[in-house]
Amino acid sequence: MNMGSLSSSIYGNLSEYASIRSGSYFKLAQKYYSNSSVGGGGFARKVSPTEYDYKRGDYKKNLDSPSKSESSSANKSTSTSKTSSEKIADIKKSTESLKKSANALTQRGSSSVFKQTDGKYDTDKIYDAVSSFVKNYNSVVDSASGSKSTSISRKASSLVNLTAANSKLLGNIGITIGEDKKLSIDSEAFKKADMGKVKSLFNTSGGYGYQVGASASMIEYAAQNEASRSNTYTGFGSYSNNYTSGNLFNYGL
């Protein structure tokens, strides 16, 4: 056997093992035996799935009545990601909202919340925009906390550290950082603050607001990468983290 054939054979075996490991073969057997019949002719008696014995009596299962969790998993992907798919979805949702809030504050020109009328800022409008930013920032801190993904955790820590580095400037406009790393905004203190300082923080290129938006994008990117990884063997024999089960035998089942 030449090296090309050997490599192909090894990869085929690894892929087959991944299918067995994920339960794909089980689903194939489920479909096959639920439609099986014995005897001759087209009107043969259908074999009950309980009559199929995987290990000669060692493992019998009524495939016509799977448990609720089994029924659900038969049509869904099974992920062994370090971070659950639900948490990844929360992270992506919260980071998207934070990016929008940051973009609203960094907007320039006629649509900017910092546009002055008769030489005055619309303080209430600016406060609403910053309050939304604070709310969405805290949602990101919540969703990313406890993530088992090293990449997500590191980028979330960078966001927290960025805010800590700007704590004094934020404090000058009524925004404080709690022990839980979340932000709080004091409405009265904010509206009495110098809006020029607020603009400097949130509406300048490379300012705090701009950097937070960039950090949110990095966290979202890390979450997307975590969600897209495949828990199976690669062509080089390495093993990645997540696996979408049943791809091989989902069609027609």
Protein backbone atom coordinates (compact mmCIF):
# COMPACT_ATOMS: atom_id res chain seq x y z
CA MET A 1 0.00 0.00 0.00
CA ASN A 2 1.46 3.36 -0.98
CA MET A 3 1.56 6.33 1.40
CA GLY A 4 -1.34 8.09 -0.35
CA SER A 5 -3.61 5.06 0.08
CA LEU A 6 -2.48 4.59 3.66
CA SER A 7 -3.21 8.23 4.51
CA SER A 8 -6.63 8.00 2.88
CA SER A 9 -7.38 4.78 4.77
CA ILE A 10 -6.34 6.28 8.13
CA TYR A 11 -8.41 9.41 7.54
CA GLY A 12 -11.40 7.27 6.54
CA ASN A 13 -11.11 5.24 9.74
CA LEU A 14 -10.82 8.36 11.87
CA SER A 15 -13.88 9.88 10.22
CA GLU A 16 -15.78 6.62 10.77
CA TYR A 17 -14.75 6.64 14.44
CA ALA A 18 -15.99 10.23 14.78
CA SER A 19 -19.36 9.20 13.31
CA ILE A 20 -19.65 6.30 15.77
CA ARG A 21 -18.59 8.56 18.62
CA SER A 22 -21.19 11.18 17.76
CA GLY A 23 -24.07 8.72 17.38
CA SER A 24 -24.48 8.99 13.61
CA TYR A 25 -24.43 5.22 13.19
CA PHE A 26 -27.09 4.94 15.86
CA LYS A 27 -29.37 7.27 13.90
CA LEU A 28 -28.75 5.27 10.73
CA ALA A 29 -29.65 2.06 12.54
CA GLN A 30 -32.72 3.76 14.00
CA LYS A 31 -33.96 4.70 10.55
CA TYR A 32 -33.12 1.32 9.02
CA TYR A 33 -34.70 -0.90 11.64
CA SER A 34 -37.79 1.25 12.05
CA ASN A 35 -38.53 0.54 8.36
CA SER A 36 -37.40 -3.11 8.33
CA SER A 37 -39.75 -6.05 7.66
CA VAL A 38 -39.41 -9.83 7.66
CA GLY A 39 -41.00 -12.49 5.53
CA GLY A 40 -41.72 -12.50 1.81
CA GLY A 41 -43.86 -10.20 -0.31
CA GLY A 42 -44.64 -6.54 -0.05
CA PHE A 43 -47.06 -6.93 2.89
CA ALA A 44 -44.63 -8.46 5.37
CA ARG A 45 -44.93 -7.89 9.12
CA LYS A 46 -42.94 -4.91 10.35
CA VAL A 47 -40.29 -5.82 12.91
CA SER A 48 -40.62 -3.97 16.20
CA PRO A 49 -37.45 -2.03 16.97
CA THR A 50 -37.34 -3.70 20.37
CA GLU A 51 -36.67 -6.97 18.55
CA TYR A 52 -33.37 -5.62 17.33
CA ASP A 53 -30.68 -6.56 19.82
CA TYR A 54 -27.38 -4.72 19.55
CA LYS A 55 -25.47 -7.12 21.77
CA ARG A 56 -27.51 -10.29 21.99
CA GLY A 57 -29.71 -9.12 24.82
CA ASP A 58 -27.12 -6.86 26.42
CA TYR A 59 -28.57 -3.69 24.92
CA LYS A 60 -32.21 -3.46 23.87
CA LYS A 61 -33.89 -0.16 23.23
CA ASN A 62 -37.30 0.75 21.90
CA LEU A 63 -36.30 3.00 19.06
CA ASP A 64 -39.92 3.93 18.33
CA SER A 65 -40.15 5.74 21.68
CA PRO A 66 -36.96 7.69 22.23
CA SER A 67 -36.72 9.93 25.24
CA LYS A 68 -37.43 13.63 24.81
CA SER A 69 -33.74 14.47 24.88
CA GLU A 70 -32.92 11.73 22.35
CA SER A 71 -35.69 12.86 20.03
CA SER A 72 -34.40 16.40 20.17
CA SER A 73 -30.77 15.42 19.62
CA ALA A 74 -31.68 13.32 16.59
CA ASN A 75 -32.46 16.49 14.67
CA LYS A 76 -29.93 18.83 16.22
CA SER A 77 -26.18 19.09 16.25
CA THR A 78 -24.38 17.92 19.34
CA SER A 79 -21.61 20.24 20.44
CA THR A 80 -18.84 19.50 22.89
CA SER A 81 -17.59 23.06 22.66
CA LYS A 82 -15.86 24.40 25.75
CA THR A 83 -18.47 27.16 25.68
CA SER A 84 -22.11 26.12 25.18
CA SER A 85 -23.91 27.14 22.02
CA GLU A 86 -26.43 29.09 24.12
CA LYS A 87 -23.68 31.11 25.77
CA ILE A 88 -21.99 31.76 22.44
CA ALA A 89 -25.30 33.03 21.07
CA ASP A 90 -25.65 35.36 24.08
CA ILE A 91 -22.12 36.66 23.58
CA LYS A 92 -22.69 37.35 19.89
CA LYS A 93 -25.99 39.09 20.60
CA SER A 94 -24.59 41.29 23.37
CA THR A 95 -21.46 42.26 21.44
CA GLU A 96 -23.54 43.20 18.42
CA SER A 97 -25.65 45.50 20.60
CA LEU A 98 -22.56 47.06 22.16
CA LYS A 99 -21.04 47.71 18.74
CA LYS A 100 -24.21 49.51 17.67
CA SER A 101 -24.17 51.66 20.82
CA ALA A 102 -20.52 52.53 20.28
CA ASN A 103 -21.13 53.37 16.63
CA ALA A 104 -24.02 55.65 17.57
CA LEU A 105 -21.71 57.61 19.86
CA THR A 106 -18.79 57.79 17.41
CA GLN A 107 -21.02 58.96 14.57
CA ARG A 108 -19.94 62.27 13.05
CA GLY A 109 -21.71 64.98 11.10
CA SER A 110 -25.40 65.85 11.09
CA SER A 111 -26.45 62.51 12.58
CA SER A 112 -24.09 62.79 15.56
CA VAL A 113 -25.66 62.91 19.03
CA PHE A 114 -23.04 65.55 19.79
CA LYS A 115 -24.29 67.93 17.11
CA GLN A 116 -24.85 71.34 18.70
CA THR A 117 -27.84 73.59 18.16
CA ASP A 118 -27.24 77.28 18.79
CA GLY A 119 -23.93 76.32 20.35
CA LYS A 120 -25.50 73.91 22.86
CA TYR A 121 -25.43 70.13 23.23
CA ASP A 122 -28.63 68.12 23.58
CA THR A 123 -27.68 66.70 26.98
CA ASP A 124 -30.71 64.40 27.25
CA LYS A 125 -30.01 62.88 23.84
CA ILE A 126 -26.36 62.29 24.72
CA TYR A 127 -27.33 60.79 28.09
CA ASP A 128 -29.74 58.32 26.42
CA ALA A 129 -27.02 57.22 23.98
CA VAL A 130 -24.42 56.75 26.73
CA SER A 131 -26.95 54.95 28.97
CA SER A 132 -27.60 52.47 26.14
CA PHE A 133 -23.86 52.02 25.77
CA VAL A 134 -23.50 51.30 29.51
CA LYS A 135 -26.38 48.80 29.47
CA ASN A 136 -24.95 46.90 26.50
CA TYR A 137 -21.44 47.01 27.93
CA ASN A 138 -22.70 45.32 31.09
CA SER A 139 -24.50 42.69 29.00
CA VAL A 140 -21.20 41.78 27.33
CA VAL A 141 -19.48 41.50 30.72
CA ASP A 142 -22.31 39.20 31.86
CA SER A 143 -22.41 37.02 28.76
CA ALA A 144 -18.63 36.62 28.44
CA SER A 145 -18.02 35.93 32.13
CA GLY A 146 -17.38 32.31 32.91
CA SER A 147 -16.65 31.38 29.31
CA LYS A 148 -14.36 28.37 29.12
CA SER A 149 -12.95 29.58 25.82
CA THR A 150 -9.50 31.05 26.40
CA SER A 151 -9.83 33.33 23.40
CA ILE A 152 -13.17 34.76 24.53
CA SER A 153 -11.98 35.18 28.13
CA ARG A 154 -8.82 36.99 27.09
CA LYS A 155 -10.64 39.43 24.84
CA ALA A 156 -13.29 40.06 27.50
CA SER A 157 -10.50 40.75 30.01
CA SER A 158 -8.96 43.23 27.57
CA LEU A 159 -12.29 45.06 27.41
CA VAL A 160 -12.50 45.23 31.21
CA ASN A 161 -8.89 46.40 31.44
CA LEU A 162 -9.53 49.08 28.83
CA THR A 163 -12.38 50.44 30.93
CA ALA A 164 -10.31 50.29 34.11
CA ALA A 165 -7.61 52.35 32.39
CA ASN A 166 -10.23 55.03 31.67
CA SER A 167 -11.86 54.88 35.11
CA LYS A 168 -10.78 58.39 36.12
CA LEU A 169 -12.06 59.99 32.92
CA LEU A 170 -15.32 58.06 33.20
CA GLY A 171 -15.68 59.10 36.82
CA ASN A 172 -15.42 62.74 35.78
CA ILE A 173 -18.67 62.38 33.81
CA GLY A 174 -20.60 60.34 36.38
CA ILE A 175 -19.76 56.81 35.22
CA THR A 176 -18.26 54.44 37.78
CA ILE A 177 -17.00 50.84 37.75
CA GLY A 178 -18.36 48.39 40.31
CA GLU A 179 -16.66 45.42 41.92
CA ASP A 180 -18.47 43.22 39.40
CA LYS A 181 -16.62 45.11 36.60
CA LYS A 182 -19.88 46.62 35.38
CA LEU A 183 -20.57 50.27 34.72
CA SER A 184 -23.05 52.54 36.50
CA ILE A 185 -24.13 55.95 35.28
CA ASP A 186 -25.39 58.70 37.58
CA SER A 187 -27.97 60.66 35.62
CA GLU A 188 -27.62 63.88 37.60
CA ALA A 189 -23.82 63.85 37.65
CA PHE A 190 -23.66 63.02 33.96
CA LYS A 191 -25.96 65.82 32.86
CA LYS A 192 -23.99 68.31 34.94
CA ALA A 193 -20.70 67.14 33.44
CA ASP A 194 -18.78 68.93 30.71
CA MET A 195 -20.21 67.52 27.45
CA GLY A 196 -16.92 68.38 25.80
CA LYS A 197 -15.28 65.75 28.01
CA VAL A 198 -18.03 63.26 27.17
CA LYS A 199 -17.45 63.91 23.47
CA SER A 200 -13.71 63.44 23.93
CA LEU A 201 -14.33 60.01 25.45
CA PHE A 202 -16.99 58.73 23.07
CA ASN A 203 -16.78 60.68 19.82
CA THR A 204 -13.11 60.83 18.93
CA SER A 205 -11.19 58.48 16.66
CA GLY A 206 -9.23 56.14 18.91
CA GLY A 207 -11.11 57.32 22.00
CA TYR A 208 -12.66 55.09 24.66
CA GLY A 209 -15.94 54.57 22.80
CA TYR A 210 -14.13 53.68 19.60
CA GLN A 211 -11.87 51.20 21.41
CA VAL A 212 -14.80 49.55 23.16
CA GLY A 213 -16.51 49.02 19.80
CA ALA A 214 -13.33 47.41 18.47
CA SER A 215 -13.04 45.19 21.55
CA ALA A 216 -16.66 44.10 21.15
CA SER A 217 -15.89 43.09 17.56
CA MET A 218 -12.92 41.02 18.75
CA ILE A 219 -15.03 39.20 21.35
CA GLU A 220 -17.71 38.52 18.75
CA TYR A 221 -15.07 37.20 16.35
CA ALA A 222 -13.73 34.86 19.04
CA ALA A 223 -17.26 33.60 19.71
CA GLN A 224 -17.82 32.96 16.00
CA ASN A 225 -14.59 30.98 15.81
CA GLU A 226 -15.60 28.92 18.83
CA ALA A 227 -18.97 28.18 17.26
CA SER A 228 -17.49 27.11 13.93
CA ARG A 229 -14.87 24.68 15.20
CA SER A 230 -15.47 20.98 14.42
CA ASN A 231 -15.10 18.26 16.99
CA THR A 232 -13.56 15.67 14.71
CA TYR A 233 -10.23 14.47 13.45
CA THR A 234 -8.57 16.49 10.72
CA GLY A 235 -6.69 15.14 7.73
CA PHE A 236 -3.49 15.49 9.73
CA GLY A 237 -4.74 13.35 12.60
CA SER A 238 -5.24 16.26 14.99
CA TYR A 239 -8.43 16.53 17.04
CA SER A 240 -10.40 19.74 17.20
CA ASN A 241 -12.86 20.74 19.90
CA ASN A 242 -16.44 20.70 18.62
CA TYR A 243 -18.24 18.19 16.49
CA THR A 244 -21.51 18.48 14.65
CA SER A 245 -22.97 15.01 14.89
CA GLY A 246 -24.77 13.15 12.22
CA ASN A 247 -23.59 15.04 9.16
CA LEU A 248 -22.72 11.83 7.36
CA PHE A 249 -26.10 10.17 7.84
CA ASN A 250 -28.50 13.07 8.37
CA TYR A 251 -29.58 13.10 4.77
CA GLY A 252 -32.78 11.16 4.29
CA LEU A 253 -33.15 10.29 7.99
